[in-house]
C-alpha atoms as a PDB file:
ATOM      1  CA  MET A   1      29.522 -13.077  -5.619  1.00  0.00           C
ATOM      2  CA  ALA A   2      27.441 -11.659  -2.636  1.00  0.00           C
ATOM      3  CA  GLU A   3      23.570 -10.616  -3.347  1.00  0.00           C
ATOM      4  CA  GLU A   4      22.929  -7.223  -4.410  1.00  0.00           C
ATOM      5  CA  VAL A   5      19.465  -7.005  -2.866  1.00  0.00           C
ATOM      6  CA  SER A   6      17.611  -8.782  -0.184  1.00  0.00           C
ATOM      7  CA  VAL A   7      13.972  -9.183  -1.090  1.00  0.00           C
ATOM      8  CA  ILE A   8      11.705  -9.296   2.421  1.00  0.00           C
ATOM      9  CA  ILE A   9       8.385 -10.580   2.118  1.00  0.00           C
ATOM     10  CA  ALA A  10       5.651  -9.966   4.681  1.00  0.00           C
ATOM     11  CA  ALA A  11       3.325 -13.367   4.757  1.00  0.00           C
ATOM     12  CA  LYS A  12       0.114 -13.283   6.993  1.00  0.00           C
ATOM     13  CA  GLY A  13      -3.246 -14.381   5.706  1.00  0.00           C
ATOM     14  CA  ARG A  14      -4.435 -15.747   2.239  1.00  0.00           C
ATOM     15  CA  PRO A  15      -1.844 -18.675   2.352  1.00  0.00           C
ATOM     16  CA  GLU A  16      -3.132 -19.950  -0.864  1.00  0.00           C
ATOM     17  CA  TYR A  17      -1.283 -17.033  -2.606  1.00  0.00           C
ATOM     18  CA  ILE A  18       2.158 -17.495  -0.882  1.00  0.00           C
ATOM     19  CA  GLY A  19       3.537 -20.428  -3.203  1.00  0.00           C
ATOM     20  CA  ARG A  20       2.736 -17.977  -6.455  1.00  0.00           C
ATOM     21  CA  CYS A  21       4.463 -14.919  -4.505  1.00  0.00           C
ATOM     22  CA  LEU A  22       7.547 -17.100  -4.012  1.00  0.00           C
ATOM     23  CA  GLU A  23       7.299 -18.855  -7.177  1.00  0.00           C
ATOM     24  CA  SER A  24       7.633 -15.198  -9.031  1.00  0.00           C
ATOM     25  CA  VAL A  25      10.299 -14.030  -6.574  1.00  0.00           C
ATOM     26  CA  PHE A  26      12.588 -16.766  -7.176  1.00  0.00           C
ATOM     27  CA  GLY A  27      12.002 -16.496 -11.049  1.00  0.00           C
ATOM     28  CA  GLN A  28      13.536 -12.621 -11.084  1.00  0.00           C
ATOM     29  CA  LYS A  29      15.958 -12.079 -13.747  1.00  0.00           C
ATOM     30  CA  GLY A  30      19.132  -9.867 -14.124  1.00  0.00           C
ATOM     31  CA  LEU A  31      20.903 -10.056 -10.417  1.00  0.00           C
ATOM     32  CA  LYS A  32      21.689 -12.047  -7.695  1.00  0.00           C
ATOM     33  CA  PHE A  33      19.538 -11.849  -4.585  1.00  0.00           C
ATOM     34  CA  ALA A  34      18.111 -13.741  -1.276  1.00  0.00           C
ATOM     35  CA  VAL A  35      14.646 -13.916  -0.367  1.00  0.00           C
ATOM     36  CA  ILE A  36      13.643 -13.318   3.285  1.00  0.00           C
ATOM     37  CA  LEU A  37      10.099 -14.455   4.257  1.00  0.00           C
ATOM     38  CA  VAL A  38       8.754 -12.671   7.687  1.00  0.00           C
ATOM     39  CA  ASP A  39       6.319 -14.862   9.030  1.00  0.00           C
ATOM     40  CA  ASP A  40       3.870 -12.487  10.562  1.00  0.00           C
ATOM     41  CA  GLY A  41       1.389 -15.208  11.670  1.00  0.00           C
ATOM     42  CA  LEU A  42       1.735 -18.513   9.522  1.00  0.00           C
ATOM     43  CA  SER A  43       0.525 -22.055  10.440  1.00  0.00           C
ATOM     44  CA  ALA A  44       2.790 -24.648  10.848  1.00  0.00           C
ATOM     45  CA  GLY A  45       1.801 -26.433   7.919  1.00  0.00           C
ATOM     46  CA  ILE A  46       2.385 -23.173   5.893  1.00  0.00           C
ATOM     47  CA  ARG A  47       5.781 -22.901   7.174  1.00  0.00           C
ATOM     48  CA  ASP A  48       6.850 -26.652   6.604  1.00  0.00           C
ATOM     49  CA  PHE A  49       5.494 -26.235   2.928  1.00  0.00           C
ATOM     50  CA  ILE A  50       7.885 -23.306   2.643  1.00  0.00           C
ATOM     51  CA  ARG A  51      10.732 -24.967   4.065  1.00  0.00           C
ATOM     52  CA  GLU A  52      10.148 -28.060   1.598  1.00  0.00           C
ATOM     53  CA  LYS A  53       9.587 -26.275  -1.698  1.00  0.00           C
ATOM     54  CA  TYR A  54      11.675 -23.019  -1.164  1.00  0.00           C
ATOM     55  CA  PRO A  55      14.646 -24.144   1.128  1.00  0.00           C
ATOM     56  CA  GLU A  56      16.574 -21.252  -0.099  1.00  0.00           C
ATOM     57  CA  ALA A  57      14.025 -18.827   1.558  1.00  0.00           C
ATOM     58  CA  ARG A  58      15.426 -17.823   5.078  1.00  0.00           C
ATOM     59  CA  ILE A  59      12.106 -17.494   7.381  1.00  0.00           C
ATOM     60  CA  ILE A  60      12.150 -14.890  10.320  1.00  0.00           C
ATOM     61  CA  SER A  61       9.366 -14.577  12.906  1.00  0.00           C
ATOM     62  CA  SER A  62       7.510 -11.279  13.730  1.00  0.00           C
ATOM     63  CA  GLU A  63       7.509 -12.633  17.080  1.00  0.00           C
ATOM     64  CA  HIS A  64       3.723 -11.590  16.905  1.00  0.00           C
ATOM     65  CA  ARG A  65       4.861  -7.758  16.992  1.00  0.00           C
ATOM     66  CA  GLY A  66       3.612  -7.024  13.568  1.00  0.00           C
ATOM     67  CA  PRO A  67       5.104  -6.628  10.080  1.00  0.00           C
ATOM     68  CA  SER A  68       7.040  -3.787  10.953  1.00  0.00           C
ATOM     69  CA  TYR A  69       9.189  -5.310  13.527  1.00  0.00           C
ATOM     70  CA  GLY A  70       9.546  -8.431  11.545  1.00  0.00           C
ATOM     71  CA  ARG A  71      10.619  -6.570   8.129  1.00  0.00           C
ATOM     72  CA  ASN A  72      13.231  -4.146  10.480  1.00  0.00           C
ATOM     73  CA  VAL A  73      14.561  -7.357  11.754  1.00  0.00           C
ATOM     74  CA  ALA A  74      15.169  -8.947   8.209  1.00  0.00           C
ATOM     75  CA  ALA A  75      16.896  -5.913   7.262  1.00  0.00           C
ATOM     76  CA  GLU A  76      19.322  -5.648  10.097  1.00  0.00           C
ATOM     77  CA  LYS A  77      20.095  -9.366   9.371  1.00  0.00           C
ATOM     78  CA  CYS A  78      20.933  -9.159   5.861  1.00  0.00           C
ATOM     79  CA  ALA A  79      24.099  -7.649   4.306  1.00  0.00           C
ATOM     80  CA  SER A  80      22.978  -6.446   0.852  1.00  0.00           C
ATOM     81  CA  GLU A  81      23.441  -3.042  -0.291  1.00  0.00           C
ATOM     82  CA  PHE A  82      19.838  -2.808  -1.231  1.00  0.00           C
ATOM     83  CA  ILE A  83      16.425  -3.989   0.342  1.00  0.00           C
ATOM     84  CA  ALA A  84      13.187  -4.825  -1.530  1.00  0.00           C
ATOM     85  CA  PHE A  85       9.770  -5.334  -0.024  1.00  0.00           C
ATOM     86  CA  THR A  86       6.593  -7.140  -1.539  1.00  0.00           C
ATOM     87  CA  ASP A  87       3.797  -8.960   0.513  1.00  0.00           C
ATOM     88  CA  SER A  88       2.668 -12.314  -0.075  1.00  0.00           C
ATOM     89  CA  ASP A  89      -0.347 -11.516  -1.754  1.00  0.00           C
ATOM     90  CA  CYS A  90       1.952 -10.289  -4.564  1.00  0.00           C
ATOM     91  CA  VAL A  91       3.117 -11.740  -7.872  1.00  0.00           C
ATOM     92  CA  ALA A  92       6.097 -10.459  -9.281  1.00  0.00           C
ATOM     93  CA  ASP A  93       7.034  -9.955 -12.931  1.00  0.00           C
ATOM     94  CA  GLU A  94       9.994 -11.387 -13.951  1.00  0.00           C
ATOM     95  CA  ASN A  95      11.843  -7.985 -14.320  1.00  0.00           C
ATOM     96  CA  TRP A  96      10.093  -6.063 -11.185  1.00  0.00           C
ATOM     97  CA  LEU A  97      13.278  -6.596  -8.878  1.00  0.00           C
ATOM     98  CA  TYR A  98      15.740  -5.646 -11.878  1.00  0.00           C
ATOM     99  CA  GLU A  99      13.903  -2.579 -12.938  1.00  0.00           C
ATOM    100  CA  LEU A 100      14.005  -1.207  -9.030  1.00  0.00           C
ATOM    101  CA  TYR A 101      17.340  -1.885  -8.854  1.00  0.00           C
ATOM    102  CA  ARG A 102      18.008   0.017 -12.136  1.00  0.00           C
ATOM    103  CA  VAL A 103      16.696   3.084 -10.990  1.00  0.00           C
ATOM    104  CA  PHE A 104      19.421   3.338  -8.448  1.00  0.00           C
ATOM    105  CA  ILE A 105      22.158   2.528 -10.743  1.00  0.00           C
ATOM    106  CA  GLU A 106      21.205   5.288 -12.895  1.00  0.00           C
ATOM    107  CA  ARG A 107      20.338   7.957 -10.181  1.00  0.00           C
ATOM    108  CA  PRO A 108      22.884   7.846  -7.342  1.00  0.00           C
ATOM    109  CA  GLU A 109      20.370  10.270  -5.485  1.00  0.00           C
ATOM    110  CA  ALA A 110      17.561   7.811  -4.890  1.00  0.00           C
ATOM    111  CA  ALA A 111      17.496   6.484  -1.702  1.00  0.00           C
ATOM    112  CA  SER A 112      14.039   4.431  -2.630  1.00  0.00           C
ATOM    113  CA  CYS A 113      12.237   3.448  -5.450  1.00  0.00           C
ATOM    114  CA  GLY A 114       8.777   1.982  -6.092  1.00  0.00           C
ATOM    115  CA  GLY A 115       6.975  -0.098  -8.718  1.00  0.00           C
ATOM    116  CA  ALA A 116       3.500  -0.199 -10.352  1.00  0.00           C
ATOM    117  CA  GLN A 117       0.690  -2.431  -8.836  1.00  0.00           C
ATOM    118  CA  ARG A 118      -1.872  -4.139 -11.346  1.00  0.00           C
ATOM    119  CA  VAL A 119      -4.516  -6.464 -10.736  1.00  0.00           C
ATOM    120  CA  PRO A 120      -4.418 -10.469 -11.350  1.00  0.00           C
ATOM    121  CA  ALA A 121      -6.358 -11.680 -14.172  1.00  0.00           C
ATOM    122  CA  ASP A 122      -7.557 -14.410 -11.947  1.00  0.00           C
ATOM    123  CA  ALA A 123      -8.776 -12.204  -9.256  1.00  0.00           C
ATOM    124  CA  SER A 124     -12.396 -12.406  -8.123  1.00  0.00           C
ATOM    125  CA  ASP A 125     -14.850  -9.820  -9.827  1.00  0.00           C
ATOM    126  CA  LEU A 126     -15.362  -8.150  -6.701  1.00  0.00           C
ATOM    127  CA  GLY A 127     -11.715  -7.570  -6.469  1.00  0.00           C
ATOM    128  CA  LYS A 128     -11.237  -6.354  -9.659  1.00  0.00           C
ATOM    129  CA  LYS A 129     -13.717  -3.752  -8.919  1.00  0.00           C
ATOM    130  CA  ILE A 130     -12.083  -2.678  -5.872  1.00  0.00           C
ATOM    131  CA  PHE A 131      -8.667  -2.397  -7.706  1.00  0.00           C
ATOM    132  CA  ARG A 132     -10.405  -0.258  -9.981  1.00  0.00           C
ATOM    133  CA  VAL A 133     -11.905   2.010  -7.141  1.00  0.00           C
ATOM    134  CA  TYR A 134      -8.433   2.174  -5.844  1.00  0.00           C
ATOM    135  CA  LYS A 135      -6.764   3.319  -8.995  1.00  0.00           C
ATOM    136  CA  LYS A 136      -9.594   6.010  -9.890  1.00  0.00           C
ATOM    137  CA  ALA A 137      -8.714   7.269  -5.951  1.00  0.00           C
ATOM    138  CA  GLY A 138      -4.958   7.225  -6.898  1.00  0.00           C
ATOM    139  CA  PHE A 139      -4.902  10.842  -7.838  1.00  0.00           C
ATOM    140  CA  ILE A 140      -5.426  11.773  -4.177  1.00  0.00           C
ATOM    141  CA  ALA A 141      -4.852   8.484  -2.194  1.00  0.00           C
ATOM    142  CA  ASP A 142      -1.540   7.790  -3.806  1.00  0.00           C
ATOM    143  CA  TYR A 143      -1.958   4.000  -3.159  1.00  0.00           C
ATOM    144  CA  VAL A 144      -2.084   2.633  -6.659  1.00  0.00           C
ATOM    145  CA  LYS A 145      -0.518   5.014  -9.312  1.00  0.00           C
ATOM    146  CA  ARG A 146      -2.563   6.049 -12.273  1.00  0.00           C
ATOM    147  CA  ASP A 147      -1.137   5.278 -15.628  1.00  0.00           C
ATOM    148  CA  VAL A 148      -0.039   8.568 -16.271  1.00  0.00           C
ATOM    149  CA  PHE A 149       3.755   7.592 -15.937  1.00  0.00           C
ATOM    150  CA  ARG A 150       5.762   6.337 -18.911  1.00  0.00           C
ATOM    151  CA  LYS A 151       9.379   6.540 -17.265  1.00  0.00           C
ATOM    152  CA  GLU A 152      10.670   6.607 -13.688  1.00  0.00           C
ATOM    153  CA  VAL A 153       9.967   9.887 -12.087  1.00  0.00           C
ATOM    154  CA  GLU A 154      10.426  11.098  -8.672  1.00  0.00           C
ATOM    155  CA  VAL A 155       7.447  11.040  -6.338  1.00  0.00           C
ATOM    156  CA  LEU A 156       6.264  11.712  -2.499  1.00  0.00           C
ATOM    157  CA  HIS A 157       5.529   7.820  -1.685  1.00  0.00           C
ATOM    158  CA  ASN A 158       5.450   4.257  -2.623  1.00  0.00           C
ATOM    159  CA  PRO A 159       3.374   1.560  -0.847  1.00  0.00           C
ATOM    160  CA  SER A 160       5.747  -1.227   1.123  1.00  0.00           C
ATOM    161  CA  CYS A 161       4.271  -4.066  -1.347  1.00  0.00           C
ATOM    162  CA  SER A 162       6.506  -3.033  -4.222  1.00  0.00           C
ATOM    163  CA  VAL A 163       9.726  -0.893  -3.206  1.00  0.00           C
ATOM    164  CA  MET A 164      13.424  -0.879  -2.687  1.00  0.00           C
ATOM    165  CA  TYR A 165      15.583   0.987  -0.560  1.00  0.00           C
ATOM    166  CA  ARG A 166      19.348   1.576  -0.031  1.00  0.00           C
ATOM    167  CA  ARG A 167      19.801  -0.431   2.943  1.00  0.00           C
ATOM    168  CA  LYS A 168      22.111   1.963   4.525  1.00  0.00           C
ATOM    169  CA  VAL A 169      19.405   4.648   4.605  1.00  0.00           C
ATOM    170  CA  PHE A 170      16.787   2.471   5.620  1.00  0.00           C
ATOM    171  CA  LEU A 171      18.909   1.623   8.912  1.00  0.00           C
ATOM    172  CA  GLU A 172      19.769   5.273   9.164  1.00  0.00           C
ATOM    173  CA  LEU A 173      16.151   6.320   9.930  1.00  0.00           C
ATOM    174  CA  GLY A 174      15.346   3.190  12.218  1.00  0.00           C
ATOM    175  CA  GLY A 175      13.131   1.530   9.320  1.00  0.00           C
ATOM    176  CA  PHE A 176       9.290   0.968   9.560  1.00  0.00           C
ATOM    177  CA  LYS A 177       8.097   2.768  12.790  1.00  0.00           C
ATOM    178  CA  GLU A 178       6.076   0.043  14.981  1.00  0.00           C
ATOM    179  CA  GLY A 179       2.835   0.895  16.180  1.00  0.00           C
ATOM    180  CA  MET A 180       2.110   3.042  12.586  1.00  0.00           C
ATOM    181  CA  TRP A 181       0.636   0.057  10.697  1.00  0.00           C
ATOM    182  CA  PRO A 182      -0.652   0.397   7.978  1.00  0.00           C
ATOM    183  CA  GLY A 183       0.808   4.087   7.652  1.00  0.00           C
ATOM    184  CA  GLU A 184       4.268   2.647   8.384  1.00  0.00           C
ATOM    185  CA  ASP A 185       5.684   3.241   4.819  1.00  0.00           C
ATOM    186  CA  ILE A 186       4.273   6.895   4.417  1.00  0.00           C
ATOM    187  CA  ASP A 187       6.029   7.691   7.527  1.00  0.00           C
ATOM    188  CA  LEU A 188       9.121   6.376   6.289  1.00  0.00           C
ATOM    189  CA  ASP A 189       8.912   8.084   3.380  1.00  0.00           C
ATOM    190  CA  ILE A 190       8.035  11.339   5.231  1.00  0.00           C
ATOM    191  CA  ARG A 191      11.192  10.937   6.789  1.00  0.00           C
ATOM    192  CA  ILE A 192      13.251  10.047   4.005  1.00  0.00           C
ATOM    193  CA  ARG A 193      12.396  13.052   1.984  1.00  0.00           C
ATOM    194  CA  LYS A 194      13.023  15.144   5.341  1.00  0.00           C
ATOM    195  CA  LYS A 195      16.444  14.207   5.227  1.00  0.00           C
ATOM    196  CA  GLY A 196      16.676  15.517   1.660  1.00  0.00           C
ATOM    197  CA  TYR A 197      16.854  11.842   0.062  1.00  0.00           C
ATOM    198  CA  LYS A 198      15.106  11.168  -3.184  1.00  0.00           C
ATOM    199  CA  ILE A 199      12.251   8.890  -3.845  1.00  0.00           C
ATOM    200  CA  PHE A 200      11.341   7.583  -7.382  1.00  0.00           C
ATOM    201  CA  PHE A 201       8.746   5.372  -9.040  1.00  0.00           C
ATOM    202  CA  ASN A 202       9.381   3.258 -11.955  1.00  0.00           C
ATOM    203  CA  PRO A 203       6.271   2.041 -14.108  1.00  0.00           C
ATOM    204  CA  GLY A 204       8.308  -0.759 -15.502  1.00  0.00           C
ATOM    205  CA  SER A 205       8.754  -2.616 -12.374  1.00  0.00           C
ATOM    206  CA  VAL A 206       5.225  -4.612 -12.001  1.00  0.00           C
ATOM    207  CA  VAL A 207       3.601  -6.668  -9.390  1.00  0.00           C
ATOM    208  CA  MET A 208       0.246  -8.191  -9.827  1.00  0.00           C
ATOM    209  CA  HIS A 209      -1.305  -7.543  -6.150  1.00  0.00           C
ATOM    210  CA  TYR A 210      -4.504  -9.481  -5.162  1.00  0.00           C
ATOM    211  CA  PRO A 211      -7.135  -6.935  -3.610  1.00  0.00           C
ATOM    212  CA  PRO A 212      -9.640  -7.723  -0.945  1.00  0.00           C
ATOM    213  CA  HIS A 213     -11.824 -10.703  -1.831  1.00  0.00           C
ATOM    214  CA  LYS A 214     -14.429  -9.499   0.417  1.00  0.00           C
ATOM    215  CA  PHE A 215     -16.382  -6.675   1.052  1.00  0.00           C
ATOM    216  CA  SER A 216     -15.767  -6.900   4.833  1.00  0.00           C
ATOM    217  CA  ALA A 217     -12.075  -7.031   4.143  1.00  0.00           C
ATOM    218  CA  PHE A 218     -12.309  -4.199   2.207  1.00  0.00           C
ATOM    219  CA  ILE A 219     -14.069  -2.105   4.622  1.00  0.00           C
ATOM    220  CA  SER A 220     -11.608  -2.823   6.988  1.00  0.00           C
ATOM    221  CA  LYS A 221      -8.939  -2.145   5.054  1.00  0.00           C
ATOM    222  CA  LEU A 222      -9.890   1.463   4.378  1.00  0.00           C
ATOM    223  CA  TYR A 223     -11.050   1.931   7.884  1.00  0.00           C
ATOM    224  CA  ASN A 224      -7.382   1.030   9.223  1.00  0.00           C
ATOM    225  CA  TYR A 225      -5.955   3.453   6.467  1.00  0.00           C
ATOM    226  CA  GLY A 226      -8.067   6.284   7.757  1.00  0.00           C
ATOM    227  CA  LEU A 227      -7.337   5.229  11.384  1.00  0.00           C
ATOM    228  CA  VAL A 228      -3.698   5.805  11.082  1.00  0.00           C
ATOM    229  CA  GLN A 229      -3.582   9.499   9.424  1.00  0.00           C
ATOM    230  CA  PRO A 230      -4.341  11.683  12.436  1.00  0.00           C
ATOM    231  CA  SER A 231      -1.062   9.906  13.847  1.00  0.00           C
ATOM    232  CA  LEU A 232       0.751  11.031  10.618  1.00  0.00           C
ATOM    233  CA  MET A 233      -0.405  14.305  10.611  1.00  0.00           C
ATOM    234  CA  LYS A 234       0.371  14.960  14.232  1.00  0.00           C
ATOM    235  CA  THR A 235       4.007  13.129  14.043  1.00  0.00           C
ATOM    236  CA  HIS A 236       5.030  14.957  11.032  1.00  0.00           C
ATOM    237  CA  ARG A 237       2.919  18.234  10.583  1.00  0.00           C
ATOM    238  CA  VAL A 238       2.419  17.541   7.141  1.00  0.00           C
ATOM    239  CA  PHE A 239      -0.786  17.665   4.861  1.00  0.00           C
ATOM    240  CA  ARG A 240      -1.275  15.277   2.111  1.00  0.00           C
ATOM    241  CA  LYS A 241      -3.992  15.740  -0.606  1.00  0.00           C
ATOM    242  CA  ILE A 242      -6.227  12.772   1.050  1.00  0.00           C
ATOM    243  CA  TYR A 243      -6.422  15.174   3.836  1.00  0.00           C
ATOM    244  CA  PHE A 244      -9.054  16.946   1.833  1.00  0.00           C
ATOM    245  CA  VAL A 245     -11.319  14.074   2.164  1.00  0.00           C
ATOM    246  CA  PRO A 246     -12.472  14.706   5.715  1.00  0.00           C
ATOM    247  CA  PRO A 247     -13.369  18.308   4.909  1.00  0.00           C
ATOM    248  CA  ALA A 248     -15.192  17.022   2.179  1.00  0.00           C
ATOM    249  CA  PHE A 249     -17.175  14.551   4.186  1.00  0.00           C
ATOM    250  CA  LEU A 250     -18.031  17.120   6.778  1.00  0.00           C
ATOM    251  CA  ALA A 251     -19.281  19.654   4.034  1.00  0.00           C
ATOM    252  CA  ILE A 252     -21.588  16.692   2.433  1.00  0.00           C
ATOM    253  CA  ILE A 253     -23.019  16.183   6.009  1.00  0.00           C
ATOM    254  CA  VAL A 254     -23.572  20.060   6.310  1.00  0.00           C
ATOM    255  CA  ILE A 255     -25.008  20.902   2.876  1.00  0.00           C
ATOM    256  CA  TYR A 256     -27.429  17.743   3.697  1.00  0.00           C
ATOM    257  CA  VAL A 257     -28.880  18.852   6.658  1.00  0.00           C
ATOM    258  CA  ALA A 258     -29.261  22.566   5.479  1.00  0.00           C
ATOM    259  CA  LEU A 259     -31.484  21.241   2.333  1.00  0.00           C
ATOM    260  CA  LEU A 260     -33.157  19.111   4.952  1.00  0.00           C
ATOM    261  CA  TYR A 261     -33.888  21.981   7.589  1.00  0.00           C
ATOM    262  CA  PHE A 262     -33.955  25.073   5.630  1.00  0.00           C
ATOM    263  CA  SER A 263     -34.740  24.326   1.814  1.00  0.00           C
ATOM    264  CA  GLY A 264     -37.371  22.284  -0.197  1.00  0.00           C
ATOM    265  CA  LEU A 265     -37.868  18.920  -1.006  1.00  0.00           C
ATOM    266  CA  SER A 266     -37.100  19.662  -4.439  1.00  0.00           C
ATOM    267  CA  ALA A 267     -33.414  20.786  -3.700  1.00  0.00           C
ATOM    268  CA  PHE A 268     -32.778  18.390  -1.461  1.00  0.00           C
ATOM    269  CA  LEU A 269     -33.544  15.502  -3.993  1.00  0.00           C
ATOM    270  CA  SER A 270     -31.664  17.607  -6.587  1.00  0.00           C
ATOM    271  CA  PHE A 271     -28.597  17.566  -4.371  1.00  0.00           C
ATOM    272  CA  ASN A 272     -29.167  13.534  -4.061  1.00  0.00           C
ATOM    273  CA  VAL A 273     -29.425  13.279  -7.737  1.00  0.00           C
ATOM    274  CA  LEU A 274     -25.734  14.917  -8.354  1.00  0.00           C
ATOM    275  CA  ILE A 275     -24.393  12.790  -5.976  1.00  0.00           C
ATOM    276  CA  VAL A 276     -25.691   9.855  -7.605  1.00  0.00           C
ATOM    277  CA  VAL A 277     -24.407  11.361 -11.125  1.00  0.00           C
ATOM    278  CA  PHE A 278     -21.056  12.315  -9.712  1.00  0.00           C
ATOM    279  CA  LEU A 279     -20.766   8.501  -8.012  1.00  0.00           C
ATOM    280  CA  LEU A 280     -21.636   6.887 -11.083  1.00  0.00           C
ATOM    281  CA  SER A 281     -19.594   8.989 -13.472  1.00  0.00           C
ATOM    282  CA  PHE A 282     -16.395   8.238 -10.980  1.00  0.00           C
ATOM    283  CA  ALA A 283     -17.575   4.450 -10.996  1.00  0.00           C
ATOM    284  CA  GLY A 284     -17.504   4.466 -15.026  1.00  0.00           C
ATOM    285  CA  PHE A 285     -21.236   3.623 -14.357  1.00  0.00           C
ATOM    286  CA  ASP A 286     -20.813   0.573 -12.801  1.00  0.00           C
ATOM    287  CA  PRO A 287     -23.581   0.295  -9.896  1.00  0.00           C
ATOM    288  CA  VAL A 288     -21.153  -1.969  -7.694  1.00  0.00           C
ATOM    289  CA  MET A 289     -17.939   0.114  -8.045  1.00  0.00           C
ATOM    290  CA  ALA A 290     -20.551   3.052  -7.040  1.00  0.00           C
ATOM    291  CA  VAL A 291     -21.300   1.198  -3.869  1.00  0.00           C
ATOM    292  CA  LEU A 292     -17.587   0.197  -2.966  1.00  0.00           C
ATOM    293  CA  ALA A 293     -16.654   3.995  -3.682  1.00  0.00           C
ATOM    294  CA  VAL A 294     -19.323   5.124  -1.023  1.00  0.00           C
ATOM    295  CA  ALA A 295     -18.713   2.309   1.701  1.00  0.00           C
ATOM    296  CA  GLY A 296     -14.866   2.950   1.171  1.00  0.00           C
ATOM    297  CA  PHE A 297     -15.376   6.837   1.529  1.00  0.00           C
ATOM    298  CA  LEU A 298     -17.599   6.119   4.821  1.00  0.00           C
ATOM    299  CA  SER A 299     -15.220   3.768   6.215  1.00  0.00           C
ATOM    300  CA  TRP A 300     -12.208   5.436   5.718  1.00  0.00           C
ATOM    301  CA  ASN A 301     -13.632   8.865   7.525  1.00  0.00           C
ATOM    302  CA  GLY A 302     -14.763   6.465   9.926  1.00  0.00           C
ATOM    303  CA  GLY A 303     -11.737   5.583  10.826  1.00  0.00           C
ATOM    304  CA  PHE A 304     -10.015   9.344  10.396  1.00  0.00           C
ATOM    305  CA  PHE A 305     -12.167  10.723  13.078  1.00  0.00           C
ATOM    306  CA  ARG A 306     -11.845   7.650  15.099  1.00  0.00           C
ATOM    307  CA  GLY A 307      -8.195   8.031  15.255  1.00  0.00           C
ATOM    308  CA  MET A 308      -8.628  11.862  15.954  1.00  0.00           C
ATOM    309  CA  LEU A 309     -10.742  10.806  18.885  1.00  0.00           C
ATOM    310  CA  LYS A 310      -7.911   8.599  20.191  1.00  0.00           C
ATOM    311  CA  ARG A 311      -5.013  11.284  19.525  1.00  0.00           C
ATOM    312  CA  SER A 312      -7.273  13.875  21.403  1.00  0.00           C
ATOM    313  CA  LYS A 313      -7.163  11.760  24.514  1.00  0.00           C
END
């Protein structure tokens, strides 16, 4: 019987998690599938390890052209009706794949379906706090969905670490756009919806996604996400909720300057107290999470305004 689904895994960095990812993917239940691993910069030793322990996994090189190119090549070379994507730092629940597939069977209008992200129990303490920040910001960032969904629901976007597409639609739209990383999945979902197709989210499909385990990696990730947003705005002429963030950032700067130059010290200090109380409340009164929230906010905005300057040149 031919495979219903081809699982495409982008693999680069953090090689200690690749074995766990592949073990979980090959442990999927409920349907027949194939596994394709996109080598986006693996060492020779890791490739040999995968070939020896997981010979069923087909390895395709991205040719140093990035994950979008490699994923697109993998999608073109497989023959299944559906293609699912995850990353090598994810560990999938045994029903992850079937729960994505089930939505397509029950909803013929679906072109894409994504699943929930959870933080692994053995993630670092810093990683768990970073994940909590992602989740807290889910109402505006739409990266980690909040726990408000109890069944499958139509959504605007699903990240590429846990998503399935109808392969026909994926190829029809040209797949992921190169040069749009790390916003290529957002770009594709916008194009899918513009074509009139529907995107769903199923909370019953779960991957455990390891967050950045270093502060520098977290900052870099948020900066890169901010950097790509002006390109998405200019390309699609769309407005996402997260685009309220830069005006809020500028408003805070203006208020600080105005208070510093035109108001007394008491007003300036009072505003700072309000900011601190808001941050601590957002962070569940965890100082580390508050610092992460501020650092992420500043880094994302730094990337966004850098991206605006690049687009204007």
